[in-house]
Amino acid sequence: MCGNGVRCFAKFCFDRGILAGTESTIMTRSGPRLVHVHHDAKGKVCRVEVEMGSASFSPGRIPVEADPDRDFLDIRLDGVAQRAYFANVGNPHAVVYVDDPEVTPVDVWGPVVETDGRFPNGANASFVNILDRNRVEARVWERGVGETMACGTAACAIAAVSRRLGHVDSAVDVALPGGDLHVFLGETLILGGPAVEVFTATVDTRSLGT
């Protein structure tokens, strides 16, 4: 499940007439996701919101090997004990609060969190600083990928964990290196942000073999 991937796919489908109107449901391996699109003056999709479902903090749902009464792991990063709060929003996430994500050694700490043996399927790791009740900043290490410019499910996990801890209100802007994502925490998590077509390409499948 990829929140930004669903948003990009929605823009592709609506812009090319595969889908019509302003809403549709897209099936993912984590279940159906309702998307709502906004159009610019030229009729192209400029913003997409997707209903991401609810966040789970149960160790069995992450999955993670943890005390059932706790929603975090104690993990040592550079020899210092840190709390990694876990959540599942279609895939497993761990949220670590830091003073300044920009100077945090994400390339070092990220793999430590991702490959911690208590996460049998690995985990995405977010390093987060709370700016105010409606805005946080973060950098994300995605499992199997490395640091990425933005991650929709991570933004949802960050907002959900931060709300659960009482750090933020129900509407949160998550500032990531690739731009801002907006998360609304109601009965379902709603992830929103701009959607821009960067390039198109043609693939010659004959070069791929059989």
Protein backbone atom coordinates (compact mmCIF):
# COMPACT_ATOMS: atom_id res chain seq x y z
CA MET A 1 0.00 0.00 0.00
CA CYS A 2 1.41 3.40 -1.05
CA GLY A 3 -0.61 6.53 -0.31
CA ASN A 4 1.20 8.75 -2.80
CA GLY A 5 1.16 5.94 -5.35
CA VAL A 6 -2.64 5.77 -5.11
CA ARG A 7 -2.87 9.55 -5.51
CA CYS A 8 -0.61 9.51 -8.59
CA PHE A 9 -2.55 6.59 -10.07
CA ALA A 10 -5.80 8.48 -9.51
CA LYS A 11 -4.49 11.53 -11.37
CA PHE A 12 -3.34 9.34 -14.25
CA CYS A 13 -6.75 7.68 -14.56
CA PHE A 14 -8.86 10.82 -14.24
CA ASP A 15 -6.66 12.90 -16.58
CA ARG A 16 -6.89 10.22 -19.28
CA GLY A 17 -10.63 9.60 -18.97
CA ILE A 18 -10.24 6.11 -17.53
CA LEU A 19 -12.20 7.43 -14.55
CA ALA A 20 -14.72 10.28 -14.60
CA GLY A 21 -16.20 12.72 -12.12
CA THR A 22 -14.46 13.59 -8.87
CA GLU A 23 -14.51 10.34 -6.87
CA SER A 24 -13.68 6.70 -7.37
CA THR A 25 -12.55 3.64 -5.43
CA ILE A 26 -9.16 2.09 -6.13
CA MET A 27 -8.43 -1.43 -4.95
CA THR A 28 -5.11 -2.10 -3.20
CA ARG A 29 -3.61 -5.11 -1.45
CA SER A 30 -4.60 -3.41 1.81
CA GLY A 31 -8.21 -2.98 0.70
CA PRO A 32 -10.28 -0.39 -1.20
CA ARG A 33 -9.27 3.27 -1.08
CA LEU A 34 -11.72 6.05 -1.93
CA VAL A 35 -10.11 8.94 -3.79
CA HIS A 36 -11.42 12.47 -4.36
CA VAL A 37 -9.83 14.69 -7.02
CA HIS A 38 -9.74 18.44 -7.62
CA HIS A 39 -9.33 19.91 -11.10
CA ASP A 40 -7.52 23.05 -12.24
CA ALA A 41 -8.84 25.60 -14.76
CA LYS A 42 -7.67 23.37 -17.64
CA GLY A 43 -9.58 20.37 -16.32
CA LYS A 44 -6.49 18.51 -15.16
CA VAL A 45 -6.29 16.97 -11.70
CA CYS A 46 -4.17 19.20 -9.45
CA ARG A 47 -4.87 17.71 -6.03
CA VAL A 48 -5.89 14.28 -4.80
CA GLU A 49 -7.20 13.14 -1.43
CA VAL A 50 -7.41 9.48 -0.48
CA GLU A 51 -9.19 7.83 2.42
CA MET A 52 -6.52 5.65 4.00
CA GLY A 53 -8.62 3.79 6.56
CA SER A 54 -7.74 3.81 10.24
CA ALA A 55 -4.38 3.41 11.94
CA SER A 56 -3.73 0.36 14.09
CA PHE A 57 -1.44 0.43 17.11
CA SER A 58 -1.87 -3.21 18.10
CA PRO A 59 1.43 -5.15 18.03
CA GLY A 60 -0.26 -8.05 16.27
CA ARG A 61 -1.46 -5.81 13.45
CA ILE A 62 1.87 -4.10 12.78
CA PRO A 63 3.28 -6.81 13.14
CA VAL A 64 5.85 -6.31 15.89
CA GLU A 65 7.03 -8.32 18.87
CA ALA A 66 6.17 -5.99 21.74
CA ASP A 67 4.40 -5.82 25.08
CA PRO A 68 0.66 -5.74 24.25
CA ASP A 69 0.21 -2.83 26.66
CA ARG A 70 2.81 -0.64 24.90
CA ASP A 71 2.73 1.19 21.60
CA PHE A 72 6.47 1.65 21.26
CA LEU A 73 9.77 -0.18 21.27
CA ASP A 74 12.90 0.87 23.09
CA ILE A 75 15.62 0.96 20.48
CA ARG A 76 19.24 2.08 20.72
CA LEU A 77 20.41 4.55 18.09
CA ASP A 78 24.06 5.57 18.31
CA GLY A 79 24.10 4.07 21.79
CA VAL A 80 21.20 6.22 23.02
CA ALA A 81 17.86 4.70 24.01
CA GLN A 82 15.02 6.02 21.84
CA ARG A 83 11.33 5.23 21.65
CA ALA A 84 10.07 4.00 18.29
CA TYR A 85 6.26 4.31 18.26
CA PHE A 86 4.66 1.83 15.89
CA ALA A 87 1.56 2.01 13.73
CA ASN A 88 0.11 0.22 10.74
CA VAL A 89 -1.68 2.22 8.04
CA GLY A 90 -1.60 -0.49 5.38
CA ASN A 91 2.07 -1.20 6.07
CA PRO A 92 4.26 -1.11 9.20
CA HIS A 93 5.76 2.15 10.45
CA ALA A 94 7.92 3.29 13.33
CA VAL A 95 8.00 6.94 14.44
CA VAL A 96 10.98 8.36 16.32
CA TYR A 97 10.88 11.93 17.66
CA VAL A 98 14.03 14.02 17.21
CA ASP A 99 15.04 17.63 17.73
CA ASP A 100 15.92 18.31 14.09
CA PRO A 101 15.24 15.84 11.26
CA GLU A 102 17.54 17.78 8.94
CA VAL A 103 20.66 16.85 10.93
CA THR A 104 19.43 13.40 12.01
CA PRO A 105 21.60 10.60 10.49
CA VAL A 106 18.66 8.99 8.73
CA ASP A 107 20.97 6.90 6.54
CA VAL A 108 22.39 5.33 9.70
CA TRP A 109 19.37 5.19 12.00
CA GLY A 110 16.86 4.24 9.33
CA PRO A 111 18.35 0.80 8.58
CA VAL A 112 18.65 0.07 12.31
CA VAL A 113 14.92 0.61 12.79
CA GLU A 114 13.93 -1.07 9.53
CA THR A 115 15.82 -4.28 10.28
CA ASP A 116 15.15 -4.53 14.01
CA GLY A 117 14.36 -8.21 14.53
CA ARG A 118 11.18 -7.40 16.45
CA PHE A 119 9.61 -6.26 13.16
CA PRO A 120 9.30 -9.59 11.30
CA ASN A 121 8.36 -7.80 8.05
CA GLY A 122 10.62 -4.81 8.61
CA ALA A 123 9.35 -1.28 9.18
CA ASN A 124 9.39 2.15 7.60
CA ALA A 125 11.13 4.62 9.90
CA SER A 126 10.14 8.28 10.31
CA PHE A 127 12.19 10.84 12.22
CA VAL A 128 9.88 13.62 13.35
CA ASN A 129 9.91 17.02 15.03
CA ILE A 130 6.69 18.66 16.25
CA LEU A 131 6.55 22.31 15.14
CA ASP A 132 3.11 23.20 16.49
CA ARG A 133 -0.36 21.68 16.95
CA ASN A 134 -0.96 21.52 13.20
CA ARG A 135 2.46 21.08 11.63
CA VAL A 136 5.35 18.63 11.92
CA GLU A 137 8.52 18.08 9.92
CA ALA A 138 10.00 14.70 9.09
CA ARG A 139 12.36 12.57 7.05
CA VAL A 140 11.45 9.01 6.10
CA TRP A 141 13.46 5.85 5.57
CA GLU A 142 11.35 3.38 3.58
CA ARG A 143 11.96 -0.32 4.07
CA GLY A 144 13.73 -1.91 1.14
CA VAL A 145 14.23 1.47 -0.54
CA GLY A 146 16.15 3.93 1.64
CA GLU A 147 15.40 7.57 2.32
CA THR A 148 12.69 9.00 0.08
CA MET A 149 11.56 12.54 -0.61
CA ALA A 150 8.05 11.83 0.67
CA CYS A 151 5.86 8.95 1.84
CA GLY A 152 2.09 9.12 2.12
CA THR A 153 1.61 6.23 4.52
CA ALA A 154 4.44 7.61 6.67
CA ALA A 155 2.69 10.99 6.82
CA CYS A 156 -0.45 9.20 8.01
CA ALA A 157 1.46 7.17 10.59
CA ILE A 158 3.24 10.28 11.85
CA ALA A 159 -0.04 12.18 12.20
CA ALA A 160 -1.84 9.26 13.85
CA VAL A 161 0.93 8.57 16.38
CA SER A 162 1.35 12.27 17.14
CA ARG A 163 -2.40 12.66 17.66
CA ARG A 164 -2.49 9.58 19.90
CA LEU A 165 0.28 11.11 22.04
CA GLY A 166 -1.54 14.45 22.25
CA HIS A 167 1.03 16.42 20.26
CA VAL A 168 -1.24 17.60 17.43
CA ASP A 169 -4.86 18.35 16.57
CA SER A 170 -6.99 16.55 13.97
CA ALA A 171 -5.58 18.42 10.95
CA VAL A 172 -1.84 18.07 10.41
CA ASP A 173 0.54 19.29 7.72
CA VAL A 174 3.55 17.00 7.41
CA ALA A 175 6.56 18.81 5.92
CA LEU A 176 8.79 16.38 4.03
CA PRO A 177 11.82 17.08 1.81
CA GLY A 178 9.64 16.62 -1.28
CA GLY A 179 6.87 18.93 -0.08
CA ASP A 180 3.92 19.08 2.29
CA LEU A 181 1.22 16.46 2.73
CA HIS A 182 -1.97 17.10 4.67
CA VAL A 183 -3.55 14.52 6.94
CA PHE A 184 -6.99 14.82 8.49
CA LEU A 185 -7.68 12.45 11.37
CA GLY A 186 -11.36 11.66 11.61
CA GLU A 187 -13.21 8.36 11.42
CA THR A 188 -10.73 7.57 8.66
CA LEU A 189 -7.34 9.05 7.82
CA ILE A 190 -7.55 11.34 4.79
CA LEU A 191 -4.28 12.02 2.98
CA GLY A 192 -4.16 14.97 0.62
CA GLY A 193 -1.65 16.88 -1.45
CA PRO A 194 -0.81 18.18 -4.91
CA ALA A 195 -0.52 15.79 -7.85
CA VAL A 196 1.69 16.83 -10.76
CA GLU A 197 2.62 14.92 -13.91
CA VAL A 198 6.40 15.15 -14.18
CA PHE A 199 7.05 13.29 -17.43
CA THR A 200 5.69 10.68 -19.81
CA ALA A 201 7.63 7.88 -21.48
CA THR A 202 7.19 4.97 -23.82
CA VAL A 203 8.62 1.57 -22.96
CA ASP A 204 9.64 -0.81 -25.73
CA THR A 205 8.56 -4.10 -24.19
CA ARG A 206 10.45 -6.05 -26.85
CA SER A 207 13.66 -5.24 -24.99
CA LEU A 208 12.33 -6.85 -21.81
CA GLY A 209 12.37 -10.40 -23.14
CA THR A 210 9.75 -13.04 -22.38
